[in-house]
């Protein structure tokens, strides 16, 4: 089971939170779901933090009552998905002295089997272009550093690692990544770097729009596997620290 739950939030008065609020909020959400946090090598939950317009200073973020905000939680395996499905945040989400009113919730659910059947096994016409929007800072671990760039091989490796860990259908390993990085290219990007504050220190990541192009000579089956992994990114996120709010990924698919 896979789930992506998105809550729409609003404020009656401004809220000022430390830049590192994401850690406190995600800890609270895990406690409310009776889930242990930090024990998994590959996280079974990805999380967005609170997304929307805010004012930033050196140490604080100010959220304003004249707009809407969103919060997303995704579950990548059965226990996590059921815990998210049962999580009730209404009527308000309160933490660190801030109070966000919950005005809507939307759930998207599927399964690994459904995704694989519809996007690969049924042999649909391949998608040739993927438009991705990275809403929170995204980066990739490179030995002792983090790389804040949308490198196709690193994106597909991130998605494949999570798919192979949680799904019953194994898709492949280094050979698949080598093939996809050869036949799927970075066509366009409009990105900016953003720092993601941790309790101690920060990670630089990128946000913005990225377009991947599938070359015409790509094997149709493997093009569909790429499409499957891109779909999965909307649940799994991309890159490092997705359990803390990095790497949230939205996808628009075009032929």
C-alpha atoms as a PDB file:
ATOM      1  CA  UNK A   1       0.000   0.000   0.000  1.00  0.00           C
ATOM      2  CA  UNK A   2       1.114   3.533  -0.833  1.00  0.00           C
ATOM      3  CA  UNK A   3      -0.543   6.709   0.407  1.00  0.00           C
ATOM      4  CA  UNK A   4       0.011  10.423  -0.028  1.00  0.00           C
ATOM      5  CA  UNK A   5      -2.058  12.556   2.332  1.00  0.00           C
ATOM      6  CA  UNK A   6      -2.087  16.325   1.909  1.00  0.00           C
ATOM      7  CA  UNK A   7      -3.596  18.706   4.435  1.00  0.00           C
ATOM      8  CA  UNK A   8      -4.492  22.306   3.560  1.00  0.00           C
ATOM      9  CA  UNK A   9      -3.793  24.672   6.445  1.00  0.00           C
ATOM     10  CA  UNK A  10      -4.550  28.285   7.300  1.00  0.00           C
ATOM     11  CA  UNK A  11      -3.738  30.715  10.102  1.00  0.00           C
ATOM     12  CA  UNK A  12      -5.861  33.158  12.064  1.00  0.00           C
ATOM     13  CA  UNK A  13      -2.733  34.999  13.237  1.00  0.00           C
ATOM     14  CA  UNK A  14       0.902  34.952  12.180  1.00  0.00           C
ATOM     15  CA  UNK A  15       3.163  32.171  13.415  1.00  0.00           C
ATOM     16  CA  UNK A  16       6.913  32.469  14.001  1.00  0.00           C
ATOM     17  CA  UNK A  17       8.868  29.216  13.974  1.00  0.00           C
ATOM     18  CA  UNK A  18      12.576  28.397  14.133  1.00  0.00           C
ATOM     19  CA  UNK A  19      14.103  27.403  10.795  1.00  0.00           C
ATOM     20  CA  UNK A  20      14.655  23.895  12.178  1.00  0.00           C
ATOM     21  CA  UNK A  21      10.967  23.419  13.075  1.00  0.00           C
ATOM     22  CA  UNK A  22      10.636  20.498  10.630  1.00  0.00           C
ATOM     23  CA  UNK A  23      12.343  18.087  13.016  1.00  0.00           C
ATOM     24  CA  UNK A  24      10.063  18.947  15.933  1.00  0.00           C
ATOM     25  CA  UNK A  25       6.938  18.684  13.765  1.00  0.00           C
ATOM     26  CA  UNK A  26       7.839  15.354  12.187  1.00  0.00           C
ATOM     27  CA  UNK A  27       8.709  13.926  15.629  1.00  0.00           C
ATOM     28  CA  UNK A  28       5.294  14.986  16.897  1.00  0.00           C
ATOM     29  CA  UNK A  29       3.552  13.433  13.896  1.00  0.00           C
ATOM     30  CA  UNK A  30       5.405  10.138  14.389  1.00  0.00           C
ATOM     31  CA  UNK A  31       4.392  10.102  18.051  1.00  0.00           C
ATOM     32  CA  UNK A  32       0.758  10.673  17.127  1.00  0.00           C
ATOM     33  CA  UNK A  33       0.957   7.752  14.688  1.00  0.00           C
ATOM     34  CA  UNK A  34       2.749   5.525  17.253  1.00  0.00           C
ATOM     35  CA  UNK A  35       5.664   5.076  14.858  1.00  0.00           C
ATOM     36  CA  UNK A  36       9.336   4.977  15.785  1.00  0.00           C
ATOM     37  CA  UNK A  37      11.457   7.535  13.996  1.00  0.00           C
ATOM     38  CA  UNK A  38      15.022   7.147  12.756  1.00  0.00           C
ATOM     39  CA  UNK A  39      15.431   3.369  13.093  1.00  0.00           C
ATOM     40  CA  UNK A  40      15.048   2.587   9.364  1.00  0.00           C
ATOM     41  CA  UNK A  41      17.914   2.608   6.880  1.00  0.00           C
ATOM     42  CA  UNK A  42      15.458   3.591   4.158  1.00  0.00           C
ATOM     43  CA  UNK A  43      12.581   5.631   5.589  1.00  0.00           C
ATOM     44  CA  UNK A  44       9.061   4.309   5.105  1.00  0.00           C
ATOM     45  CA  UNK A  45       7.613   7.828   5.423  1.00  0.00           C
ATOM     46  CA  UNK A  46       8.393  10.969   3.445  1.00  0.00           C
ATOM     47  CA  UNK A  47       7.241  14.341   4.714  1.00  0.00           C
ATOM     48  CA  UNK A  48       7.027  17.843   3.287  1.00  0.00           C
ATOM     49  CA  UNK A  49       7.113  20.212   6.209  1.00  0.00           C
ATOM     50  CA  UNK A  50       4.777  23.189   5.859  1.00  0.00           C
ATOM     51  CA  UNK A  51       4.833  24.518   2.306  1.00  0.00           C
ATOM     52  CA  UNK A  52       3.700  28.009   1.408  1.00  0.00           C
ATOM     53  CA  UNK A  53       4.743  31.645   1.413  1.00  0.00           C
ATOM     54  CA  UNK A  54       6.632  32.789   4.478  1.00  0.00           C
ATOM     55  CA  UNK A  55       9.095  35.487   5.503  1.00  0.00           C
ATOM     56  CA  UNK A  56      12.594  34.389   6.452  1.00  0.00           C
ATOM     57  CA  UNK A  57      15.144  35.880   8.807  1.00  0.00           C
ATOM     58  CA  UNK A  58      18.450  34.425   9.920  1.00  0.00           C
ATOM     59  CA  UNK A  59      16.936  32.104  12.533  1.00  0.00           C
ATOM     60  CA  UNK A  60      13.148  32.203  12.066  1.00  0.00           C
ATOM     61  CA  UNK A  61      10.343  31.741   9.533  1.00  0.00           C
ATOM     62  CA  UNK A  62       7.157  33.791   9.756  1.00  0.00           C
ATOM     63  CA  UNK A  63       3.931  32.299   8.370  1.00  0.00           C
ATOM     64  CA  UNK A  64       1.105  34.741   7.591  1.00  0.00           C
ATOM     65  CA  UNK A  65      -2.699  34.530   7.925  1.00  0.00           C
ATOM     66  CA  UNK A  66      -3.410  35.823   4.396  1.00  0.00           C
ATOM     67  CA  UNK A  67      -2.561  32.596   2.544  1.00  0.00           C
ATOM     68  CA  UNK A  68      -2.927  28.838   2.527  1.00  0.00           C
ATOM     69  CA  UNK A  69      -0.291  26.256   3.417  1.00  0.00           C
ATOM     70  CA  UNK A  70       0.042  22.529   2.830  1.00  0.00           C
ATOM     71  CA  UNK A  71       1.517  19.576   4.694  1.00  0.00           C
ATOM     72  CA  UNK A  72       2.064  16.167   3.083  1.00  0.00           C
ATOM     73  CA  UNK A  73       2.861  12.741   4.514  1.00  0.00           C
ATOM     74  CA  UNK A  74       3.554   9.698   2.342  1.00  0.00           C
ATOM     75  CA  UNK A  75       3.662   6.078   3.477  1.00  0.00           C
ATOM     76  CA  UNK A  76       5.774   3.627   1.501  1.00  0.00           C
ATOM     77  CA  UNK A  77       4.813   0.391   3.230  1.00  0.00           C
ATOM     78  CA  UNK A  78       1.717  -1.102   4.842  1.00  0.00           C
ATOM     79  CA  UNK A  79       2.200  -0.107   8.486  1.00  0.00           C
ATOM     80  CA  UNK A  80       3.259   3.453   7.715  1.00  0.00           C
ATOM     81  CA  UNK A  81       0.497   3.914   5.139  1.00  0.00           C
ATOM     82  CA  UNK A  82      -2.195   2.686   7.555  1.00  0.00           C
ATOM     83  CA  UNK A  83      -0.860   4.957  10.299  1.00  0.00           C
ATOM     84  CA  UNK A  84      -1.060   7.974   7.991  1.00  0.00           C
ATOM     85  CA  UNK A  85      -4.552   7.005   6.815  1.00  0.00           C
ATOM     86  CA  UNK A  86      -5.703   6.912  10.456  1.00  0.00           C
ATOM     87  CA  UNK A  87      -4.013  10.176  11.466  1.00  0.00           C
ATOM     88  CA  UNK A  88      -6.544  12.870  12.379  1.00  0.00           C
ATOM     89  CA  UNK A  89      -5.113  16.396  12.520  1.00  0.00           C
ATOM     90  CA  UNK A  90      -8.458  18.232  12.667  1.00  0.00           C
ATOM     91  CA  UNK A  91      -9.429  20.779  13.775  1.00  0.00           C
ATOM     92  CA  UNK A  92      -5.938  22.251  14.203  1.00  0.00           C
ATOM     93  CA  UNK A  93      -2.246  21.421  14.210  1.00  0.00           C
ATOM     94  CA  UNK A  94      -0.421  22.966  17.170  1.00  0.00           C
ATOM     95  CA  UNK A  95       3.323  22.859  17.877  1.00  0.00           C
ATOM     96  CA  UNK A  96       6.038  25.221  19.144  1.00  0.00           C
ATOM     97  CA  UNK A  97       3.398  27.817  20.015  1.00  0.00           C
ATOM     98  CA  UNK A  98       1.928  27.956  16.493  1.00  0.00           C
ATOM     99  CA  UNK A  99      -1.630  26.951  15.603  1.00  0.00           C
ATOM    100  CA  UNK A 100      -2.531  26.007  12.022  1.00  0.00           C
ATOM    101  CA  UNK A 101      -6.208  25.374  11.267  1.00  0.00           C
ATOM    102  CA  UNK A 102      -6.866  22.281   9.163  1.00  0.00           C
ATOM    103  CA  UNK A 103      -9.368  23.124   6.425  1.00  0.00           C
ATOM    104  CA  UNK A 104      -9.057  20.166   4.032  1.00  0.00           C
ATOM    105  CA  UNK A 105      -7.465  16.766   3.516  1.00  0.00           C
ATOM    106  CA  UNK A 106      -6.864  14.828   0.288  1.00  0.00           C
ATOM    107  CA  UNK A 107      -5.650  11.225   0.089  1.00  0.00           C
ATOM    108  CA  UNK A 108      -4.093   9.489  -2.905  1.00  0.00           C
ATOM    109  CA  UNK A 109      -3.725   5.744  -2.489  1.00  0.00           C
ATOM    110  CA  UNK A 110      -2.366   2.963  -4.680  1.00  0.00           C
ATOM    111  CA  UNK A 111      -0.129  -0.092  -4.410  1.00  0.00           C
ATOM    112  CA  UNK A 112       3.146  -1.216  -5.919  1.00  0.00           C
ATOM    113  CA  UNK A 113       1.292  -3.941  -7.796  1.00  0.00           C
ATOM    114  CA  UNK A 114      -1.219  -1.484  -9.265  1.00  0.00           C
ATOM    115  CA  UNK A 115       1.543   0.867 -10.385  1.00  0.00           C
ATOM    116  CA  UNK A 116       3.575  -1.912 -11.968  1.00  0.00           C
ATOM    117  CA  UNK A 117       0.586  -3.457 -13.735  1.00  0.00           C
ATOM    118  CA  UNK A 118      -0.766  -0.217 -15.203  1.00  0.00           C
ATOM    119  CA  UNK A 119       2.554   1.408 -16.104  1.00  0.00           C
ATOM    120  CA  UNK A 120       4.725  -1.562 -17.148  1.00  0.00           C
ATOM    121  CA  UNK A 121       2.977  -4.948 -17.403  1.00  0.00           C
ATOM    122  CA  UNK A 122       0.112  -3.613 -19.553  1.00  0.00           C
ATOM    123  CA  UNK A 123       2.690  -2.183 -22.004  1.00  0.00           C
ATOM    124  CA  UNK A 124       1.204   1.315 -22.401  1.00  0.00           C
ATOM    125  CA  UNK A 125       2.521   3.784 -24.952  1.00  0.00           C
ATOM    126  CA  UNK A 126       5.737   5.162 -23.412  1.00  0.00           C
ATOM    127  CA  UNK A 127       5.803   8.641 -21.916  1.00  0.00           C
ATOM    128  CA  UNK A 128       8.603  10.661 -23.521  1.00  0.00           C
ATOM    129  CA  UNK A 129       8.801  13.654 -21.208  1.00  0.00           C
ATOM    130  CA  UNK A 130       8.677  14.096 -17.451  1.00  0.00           C
ATOM    131  CA  UNK A 131       8.160  17.526 -15.887  1.00  0.00           C
ATOM    132  CA  UNK A 132       9.158  17.492 -12.237  1.00  0.00           C
ATOM    133  CA  UNK A 133       8.733  20.196  -9.628  1.00  0.00           C
ATOM    134  CA  UNK A 134      10.844  20.000  -6.484  1.00  0.00           C
ATOM    135  CA  UNK A 135       8.993  21.848  -3.737  1.00  0.00           C
ATOM    136  CA  UNK A 136      11.539  21.370  -0.930  1.00  0.00           C
ATOM    137  CA  UNK A 137      15.366  21.402  -1.055  1.00  0.00           C
ATOM    138  CA  UNK A 138      16.715  18.294  -2.792  1.00  0.00           C
ATOM    139  CA  UNK A 139      20.260  16.922  -2.677  1.00  0.00           C
ATOM    140  CA  UNK A 140      22.163  13.668  -3.139  1.00  0.00           C
ATOM    141  CA  UNK A 141      24.786  12.099  -0.900  1.00  0.00           C
ATOM    142  CA  UNK A 142      28.183  12.040  -2.584  1.00  0.00           C
ATOM    143  CA  UNK A 143      30.662  10.502  -0.143  1.00  0.00           C
ATOM    144  CA  UNK A 144      31.080  13.184   2.547  1.00  0.00           C
ATOM    145  CA  UNK A 145      29.199  15.982   0.738  1.00  0.00           C
ATOM    146  CA  UNK A 146      25.717  16.691  -0.599  1.00  0.00           C
ATOM    147  CA  UNK A 147      25.245  17.556  -4.274  1.00  0.00           C
ATOM    148  CA  UNK A 148      22.395  20.062  -4.939  1.00  0.00           C
ATOM    149  CA  UNK A 149      21.986  19.310  -8.656  1.00  0.00           C
ATOM    150  CA  UNK A 150      19.314  17.360 -10.653  1.00  0.00           C
ATOM    151  CA  UNK A 151      21.564  14.663 -12.128  1.00  0.00           C
ATOM    152  CA  UNK A 152      19.300  12.070 -13.866  1.00  0.00           C
ATOM    153  CA  UNK A 153      21.361   9.051 -12.739  1.00  0.00           C
ATOM    154  CA  UNK A 154      21.185  10.169  -9.105  1.00  0.00           C
ATOM    155  CA  UNK A 155      17.449  10.827  -9.280  1.00  0.00           C
ATOM    156  CA  UNK A 156      16.695   7.411 -10.769  1.00  0.00           C
ATOM    157  CA  UNK A 157      19.047   5.687  -8.300  1.00  0.00           C
ATOM    158  CA  UNK A 158      17.212   7.328  -5.406  1.00  0.00           C
ATOM    159  CA  UNK A 159      13.797   6.230  -6.687  1.00  0.00           C
ATOM    160  CA  UNK A 160      14.980   2.718  -7.596  1.00  0.00           C
ATOM    161  CA  UNK A 161      16.542   2.126  -4.189  1.00  0.00           C
ATOM    162  CA  UNK A 162      13.268   2.883  -2.442  1.00  0.00           C
ATOM    163  CA  UNK A 163      11.203   0.864  -4.949  1.00  0.00           C
ATOM    164  CA  UNK A 164      13.392  -2.241  -4.614  1.00  0.00           C
ATOM    165  CA  UNK A 165      13.355  -1.973  -0.809  1.00  0.00           C
ATOM    166  CA  UNK A 166       9.573  -1.817  -0.383  1.00  0.00           C
ATOM    167  CA  UNK A 167       8.003  -3.339  -3.509  1.00  0.00           C
ATOM    168  CA  UNK A 168       7.615  -7.048  -4.222  1.00  0.00           C
ATOM    169  CA  UNK A 169       8.642  -6.546  -7.882  1.00  0.00           C
ATOM    170  CA  UNK A 170      12.418  -6.111  -8.227  1.00  0.00           C
ATOM    171  CA  UNK A 171      13.320  -3.774 -11.085  1.00  0.00           C
ATOM    172  CA  UNK A 172      17.110  -4.057 -11.378  1.00  0.00           C
ATOM    173  CA  UNK A 173      20.221  -2.327 -10.125  1.00  0.00           C
ATOM    174  CA  UNK A 174      23.323  -0.633 -11.569  1.00  0.00           C
ATOM    175  CA  UNK A 175      22.729  -1.867 -15.115  1.00  0.00           C
ATOM    176  CA  UNK A 176      19.272  -0.278 -15.153  1.00  0.00           C
ATOM    177  CA  UNK A 177      20.629   3.026 -13.826  1.00  0.00           C
ATOM    178  CA  UNK A 178      23.395   2.996 -16.454  1.00  0.00           C
ATOM    179  CA  UNK A 179      20.840   2.435 -19.216  1.00  0.00           C
ATOM    180  CA  UNK A 180      18.406   5.103 -18.005  1.00  0.00           C
ATOM    181  CA  UNK A 181      21.149   7.697 -17.551  1.00  0.00           C
ATOM    182  CA  UNK A 182      22.243   7.059 -21.149  1.00  0.00           C
ATOM    183  CA  UNK A 183      18.800   7.329 -22.737  1.00  0.00           C
ATOM    184  CA  UNK A 184      17.024   9.840 -20.487  1.00  0.00           C
ATOM    185  CA  UNK A 185      18.544  13.300 -20.515  1.00  0.00           C
ATOM    186  CA  UNK A 186      18.147  16.506 -18.580  1.00  0.00           C
ATOM    187  CA  UNK A 187      16.419  18.704 -21.164  1.00  0.00           C
ATOM    188  CA  UNK A 188      15.636  21.806 -19.126  1.00  0.00           C
ATOM    189  CA  UNK A 189      15.796  23.119 -15.621  1.00  0.00           C
ATOM    190  CA  UNK A 190      14.945  26.275 -13.734  1.00  0.00           C
ATOM    191  CA  UNK A 191      16.268  25.729 -10.240  1.00  0.00           C
ATOM    192  CA  UNK A 192      17.580  27.682  -7.271  1.00  0.00           C
ATOM    193  CA  UNK A 193      19.606  26.565  -4.281  1.00  0.00           C
ATOM    194  CA  UNK A 194      18.005  26.640  -0.846  1.00  0.00           C
ATOM    195  CA  UNK A 195      19.456  25.674   2.497  1.00  0.00           C
ATOM    196  CA  UNK A 196      17.573  23.165   4.627  1.00  0.00           C
ATOM    197  CA  UNK A 197      18.069  23.836   8.326  1.00  0.00           C
ATOM    198  CA  UNK A 198      18.795  20.916  10.605  1.00  0.00           C
ATOM    199  CA  UNK A 199      19.016  20.959  14.399  1.00  0.00           C
ATOM    200  CA  UNK A 200      22.733  21.529  13.995  1.00  0.00           C
ATOM    201  CA  UNK A 201      23.956  22.786  10.639  1.00  0.00           C
ATOM    202  CA  UNK A 202      22.216  22.722   7.286  1.00  0.00           C
ATOM    203  CA  UNK A 203      22.155  20.992   3.888  1.00  0.00           C
ATOM    204  CA  UNK A 204      22.157  22.871   0.581  1.00  0.00           C
ATOM    205  CA  UNK A 205      19.607  21.598  -1.923  1.00  0.00           C
ATOM    206  CA  UNK A 206      17.836  22.720  -5.076  1.00  0.00           C
ATOM    207  CA  UNK A 207      14.192  23.618  -5.641  1.00  0.00           C
ATOM    208  CA  UNK A 208      12.364  24.359  -8.881  1.00  0.00           C
ATOM    209  CA  UNK A 209      11.451  22.762 -12.207  1.00  0.00           C
ATOM    210  CA  UNK A 210      13.268  19.994 -14.071  1.00  0.00           C
ATOM    211  CA  UNK A 211      12.345  18.394 -17.403  1.00  0.00           C
ATOM    212  CA  UNK A 212      13.626  14.937 -18.361  1.00  0.00           C
ATOM    213  CA  UNK A 213      13.453  13.807 -21.989  1.00  0.00           C
ATOM    214  CA  UNK A 214      13.270  10.143 -23.012  1.00  0.00           C
ATOM    215  CA  UNK A 215      15.197   9.684 -26.266  1.00  0.00           C
ATOM    216  CA  UNK A 216      13.254   8.183 -29.168  1.00  0.00           C
ATOM    217  CA  UNK A 217      15.531   5.137 -29.451  1.00  0.00           C
ATOM    218  CA  UNK A 218      14.882   4.102 -25.849  1.00  0.00           C
ATOM    219  CA  UNK A 219      13.550   0.569 -25.403  1.00  0.00           C
ATOM    220  CA  UNK A 220       9.785   0.941 -24.749  1.00  0.00           C
ATOM    221  CA  UNK A 221       9.837  -1.445 -21.778  1.00  0.00           C
ATOM    222  CA  UNK A 222      12.626   0.467 -20.058  1.00  0.00           C
ATOM    223  CA  UNK A 223      10.970   3.786 -20.879  1.00  0.00           C
ATOM    224  CA  UNK A 224       7.920   2.474 -19.030  1.00  0.00           C
ATOM    225  CA  UNK A 225      10.107   1.409 -16.092  1.00  0.00           C
ATOM    226  CA  UNK A 226      11.402   4.982 -15.983  1.00  0.00           C
ATOM    227  CA  UNK A 227       7.819   6.226 -15.969  1.00  0.00           C
ATOM    228  CA  UNK A 228       7.057   3.867 -13.081  1.00  0.00           C
ATOM    229  CA  UNK A 229       9.958   5.232 -11.048  1.00  0.00           C
ATOM    230  CA  UNK A 230       8.935   8.821 -11.759  1.00  0.00           C
ATOM    231  CA  UNK A 231       5.401   8.052 -10.546  1.00  0.00           C
ATOM    232  CA  UNK A 232       6.879   6.486  -7.422  1.00  0.00           C
ATOM    233  CA  UNK A 233       8.857   9.683  -6.730  1.00  0.00           C
ATOM    234  CA  UNK A 234       5.628  11.456  -5.818  1.00  0.00           C
ATOM    235  CA  UNK A 235       5.380   9.153  -2.807  1.00  0.00           C
ATOM    236  CA  UNK A 236       9.021   8.387  -2.011  1.00  0.00           C
ATOM    237  CA  UNK A 237      10.546  11.815  -2.581  1.00  0.00           C
ATOM    238  CA  UNK A 238      14.003  12.311  -4.042  1.00  0.00           C
ATOM    239  CA  UNK A 239      17.486  12.225  -2.544  1.00  0.00           C
ATOM    240  CA  UNK A 240      18.498  12.572   1.098  1.00  0.00           C
ATOM    241  CA  UNK A 241      16.542  13.327   4.281  1.00  0.00           C
ATOM    242  CA  UNK A 242      13.086  12.835   2.795  1.00  0.00           C
ATOM    243  CA  UNK A 243      11.839  11.783   6.218  1.00  0.00           C
ATOM    244  CA  UNK A 244      12.759  15.276   7.528  1.00  0.00           C
ATOM    245  CA  UNK A 245      11.179  17.333   4.736  1.00  0.00           C
ATOM    246  CA  UNK A 246      13.683  17.362   1.884  1.00  0.00           C
ATOM    247  CA  UNK A 247      13.161  16.102  -1.662  1.00  0.00           C
ATOM    248  CA  UNK A 248       9.388  16.520  -2.050  1.00  0.00           C
ATOM    249  CA  UNK A 249       8.650  15.842  -5.719  1.00  0.00           C
ATOM    250  CA  UNK A 250       5.627  16.672  -7.876  1.00  0.00           C
ATOM    251  CA  UNK A 251       5.271  15.247 -11.382  1.00  0.00           C
ATOM    252  CA  UNK A 252       3.477  16.355 -14.541  1.00  0.00           C
ATOM    253  CA  UNK A 253       3.552  13.776 -17.341  1.00  0.00           C
ATOM    254  CA  UNK A 254       3.403  14.707 -21.033  1.00  0.00           C
ATOM    255  CA  UNK A 255       3.729  12.720 -24.242  1.00  0.00           C
END
